[in-house]
Amino acid sequence: MLRNCGTIDPDDIDCAIRMGVYGGLARALQMDPEEVIEEISRAKLKGLGGAGYETWRKWQACRQSSDPERIVICNADEGDPGAFMDRSLLEGDPHSVLEGMAICAWAVGASRGTVYVRAEYPLAVGKVRGAIAKAEEAGLLGENILASGFSFHLEVF
């Protein structure tokens, strides 16, 4: 999770791209959403919660939902005392978080998302807002991402 933290400049999207961030998004956008979910299943990706729930199951349930509105949420609240993993990731590698959210959005059929961050983490809030703006400028978030026809808009709460 923290592989890029301390290695990349979180304020420099070009540095993130050189480190491979957004490469997975480019690849995912060339696949069908169901293929992306299958790949997540093969990778055995699990959530960071204590239950270790399989990510693909959540994505598949969302994709199959009859509700037409789908929203991707990154919960970086960190309610556990002494927990700083989310904060460290958002401050040190925000583009990887945004890429993951965009891949999820493509797979589940969402067009918008929210990054929920504690107000007590002003540096993390600033890094994520800055990363969103730079990703939008680069065509990696927002309208017609990478000329794919897919649009995904993010906000910070």
Protein backbone atom coordinates (compact mmCIF):
# COMPACT_ATOMS: atom_id res chain seq x y z
CA MET A 1 0.00 0.00 0.00
CA LEU A 2 2.71 2.47 0.89
CA ARG A 3 5.19 1.38 -1.81
CA ASN A 4 5.28 4.83 -3.46
CA CYS A 5 5.17 6.90 -0.27
CA GLY A 6 8.50 8.62 0.17
CA THR A 7 9.53 7.58 -3.34
CA ILE A 8 7.37 9.89 -5.43
CA ASP A 9 6.50 13.55 -5.16
CA PRO A 10 2.76 13.48 -4.37
CA ASP A 11 2.37 16.95 -5.91
CA ASP A 12 3.89 15.91 -9.25
CA ILE A 13 1.54 13.90 -11.47
CA ASP A 14 4.33 13.32 -14.01
CA CYS A 15 6.37 11.62 -11.29
CA ALA A 16 3.38 9.42 -10.40
CA ILE A 17 2.89 8.51 -14.07
CA ARG A 18 6.60 7.62 -14.41
CA MET A 19 6.14 5.28 -11.42
CA GLY A 20 3.31 3.51 -13.24
CA VAL A 21 0.35 5.20 -11.61
CA TYR A 22 -2.59 5.51 -14.03
CA GLY A 23 -1.19 2.69 -16.18
CA GLY A 24 -3.72 0.31 -14.64
CA LEU A 25 -6.51 2.74 -15.44
CA ALA A 26 -5.42 2.95 -19.08
CA ARG A 27 -5.41 -0.84 -19.26
CA ALA A 28 -8.77 -1.19 -17.49
CA LEU A 29 -10.45 1.23 -19.89
CA GLN A 30 -9.51 -1.10 -22.75
CA MET A 31 -11.32 -3.98 -21.03
CA ASP A 32 -14.99 -4.66 -20.46
CA PRO A 33 -16.05 -3.80 -16.89
CA GLU A 34 -16.82 -7.48 -16.24
CA GLU A 35 -13.27 -8.38 -17.31
CA VAL A 36 -11.90 -5.86 -14.81
CA ILE A 37 -13.95 -7.46 -12.03
CA GLU A 38 -12.68 -10.90 -13.08
CA GLU A 39 -9.09 -9.63 -12.98
CA ILE A 40 -9.65 -8.24 -9.47
CA SER A 41 -11.01 -11.65 -8.48
CA ARG A 42 -7.94 -13.45 -9.89
CA ALA A 43 -5.67 -11.01 -8.05
CA LYS A 44 -7.41 -11.92 -4.78
CA LEU A 45 -7.62 -8.24 -3.83
CA LYS A 46 -9.24 -7.71 -0.44
CA GLY A 47 -10.41 -4.68 1.48
CA LEU A 48 -8.37 -3.22 4.31
CA GLY A 49 -11.14 -3.72 6.87
CA GLY A 50 -10.79 -6.40 9.51
CA ALA A 51 -13.06 -8.84 7.65
CA GLY A 52 -10.78 -9.05 4.61
CA TYR A 53 -13.80 -9.04 2.30
CA GLU A 54 -13.03 -9.81 -1.34
CA THR A 55 -13.11 -6.64 -3.42
CA TRP A 56 -14.49 -8.25 -6.55
CA ARG A 57 -17.62 -9.38 -4.68
CA LYS A 58 -18.42 -5.79 -3.70
CA TRP A 59 -17.77 -4.55 -7.21
CA GLN A 60 -19.85 -7.30 -8.79
CA ALA A 61 -22.80 -6.67 -6.45
CA CYS A 62 -22.67 -2.97 -7.28
CA ARG A 63 -22.39 -3.64 -11.03
CA GLN A 64 -25.41 -5.94 -10.88
CA SER A 65 -27.52 -3.56 -8.80
CA SER A 66 -30.73 -2.34 -10.40
CA ASP A 67 -30.15 1.14 -8.99
CA PRO A 68 -28.87 3.33 -11.83
CA GLU A 69 -26.93 5.69 -9.54
CA ARG A 70 -23.62 4.36 -8.30
CA ILE A 71 -21.05 6.32 -6.32
CA VAL A 72 -17.52 5.23 -5.42
CA ILE A 73 -16.52 6.27 -1.90
CA CYS A 74 -13.07 6.24 -0.36
CA ASN A 75 -13.56 6.22 3.40
CA ALA A 76 -10.35 7.65 4.83
CA ASP A 77 -11.91 8.50 8.19
CA GLU A 78 -9.62 6.31 10.35
CA GLY A 79 -11.72 5.99 13.46
CA ASP A 80 -9.26 3.65 15.21
CA PRO A 81 -6.99 5.40 17.72
CA GLY A 82 -3.43 5.65 16.45
CA ALA A 83 -4.33 4.63 12.88
CA PHE A 84 -2.60 6.69 10.20
CA MET A 85 -2.49 4.38 7.14
CA ASP A 86 -5.15 6.30 5.17
CA ARG A 87 -3.61 9.63 6.07
CA SER A 88 -0.14 8.45 5.06
CA LEU A 89 -1.41 7.10 1.75
CA LEU A 90 -3.37 10.25 0.88
CA GLU A 91 -0.46 12.50 1.79
CA GLY A 92 2.24 10.40 0.12
CA ASP A 93 0.56 8.78 -2.90
CA PRO A 94 -2.83 10.37 -3.63
CA HIS A 95 -2.73 9.51 -7.34
CA SER A 96 -2.74 5.78 -6.63
CA VAL A 97 -5.92 6.22 -4.58
CA LEU A 98 -7.55 8.22 -7.37
CA GLU A 99 -6.52 5.65 -9.95
CA GLY A 100 -8.04 2.84 -7.88
CA MET A 101 -11.26 4.78 -7.49
CA ALA A 102 -11.45 5.42 -11.24
CA ILE A 103 -10.85 1.74 -12.04
CA CYS A 104 -13.58 0.80 -9.57
CA ALA A 105 -15.93 3.38 -11.10
CA TRP A 106 -15.36 1.94 -14.59
CA ALA A 107 -16.00 -1.60 -13.32
CA VAL A 108 -19.18 -0.81 -11.40
CA GLY A 109 -20.64 1.83 -13.71
CA ALA A 110 -20.23 4.91 -11.50
CA SER A 111 -19.72 8.41 -12.83
CA ARG A 112 -18.88 10.14 -9.57
CA GLY A 113 -17.07 9.54 -6.34
CA THR A 114 -16.21 11.03 -2.98
CA VAL A 115 -13.02 10.90 -0.94
CA TYR A 116 -14.04 11.26 2.71
CA VAL A 117 -11.16 12.66 4.77
CA ARG A 118 -11.08 13.93 8.35
CA ALA A 119 -10.89 17.71 8.62
CA GLU A 120 -8.11 17.12 11.16
CA TYR A 121 -5.92 16.02 8.22
CA PRO A 122 -5.56 19.30 6.31
CA LEU A 123 -2.40 18.16 4.52
CA ALA A 124 -4.16 15.03 3.24
CA VAL A 125 -7.17 17.09 2.14
CA GLY A 126 -4.90 19.48 0.25
CA LYS A 127 -2.90 16.70 -1.40
CA VAL A 128 -6.05 14.93 -2.62
CA ARG A 129 -7.65 18.12 -3.91
CA GLY A 130 -4.44 19.02 -5.73
CA ALA A 131 -4.13 15.52 -7.18
CA ILE A 132 -7.72 15.61 -8.44
CA ALA A 133 -7.12 18.95 -10.17
CA LYS A 134 -3.91 17.70 -11.82
CA ALA A 135 -5.52 14.42 -12.90
CA GLU A 136 -8.41 16.35 -14.45
CA GLU A 137 -5.96 18.61 -16.31
CA ALA A 138 -4.16 15.52 -17.62
CA GLY A 139 -7.40 13.89 -18.81
CA LEU A 140 -7.14 11.11 -16.20
CA LEU A 141 -10.28 12.17 -14.30
CA GLY A 142 -13.33 14.16 -15.32
CA GLU A 143 -14.91 14.02 -18.75
CA ASN A 144 -13.98 11.46 -21.40
CA ILE A 145 -11.00 9.97 -19.54
CA LEU A 146 -8.18 9.05 -21.94
CA ALA A 147 -10.61 9.59 -24.86
CA SER A 148 -12.51 6.46 -23.75
CA GLY A 149 -15.98 7.96 -23.48
CA PHE A 150 -15.91 7.21 -19.73
CA SER A 151 -16.35 10.13 -17.32
CA PHE A 152 -15.68 10.09 -13.59
CA HIS A 153 -15.82 13.12 -11.32
CA LEU A 154 -14.40 13.21 -7.78
CA GLU A 155 -14.98 15.48 -4.83
CA VAL A 156 -13.42 15.68 -1.38
CA PHE A 157 -15.64 15.74 1.69
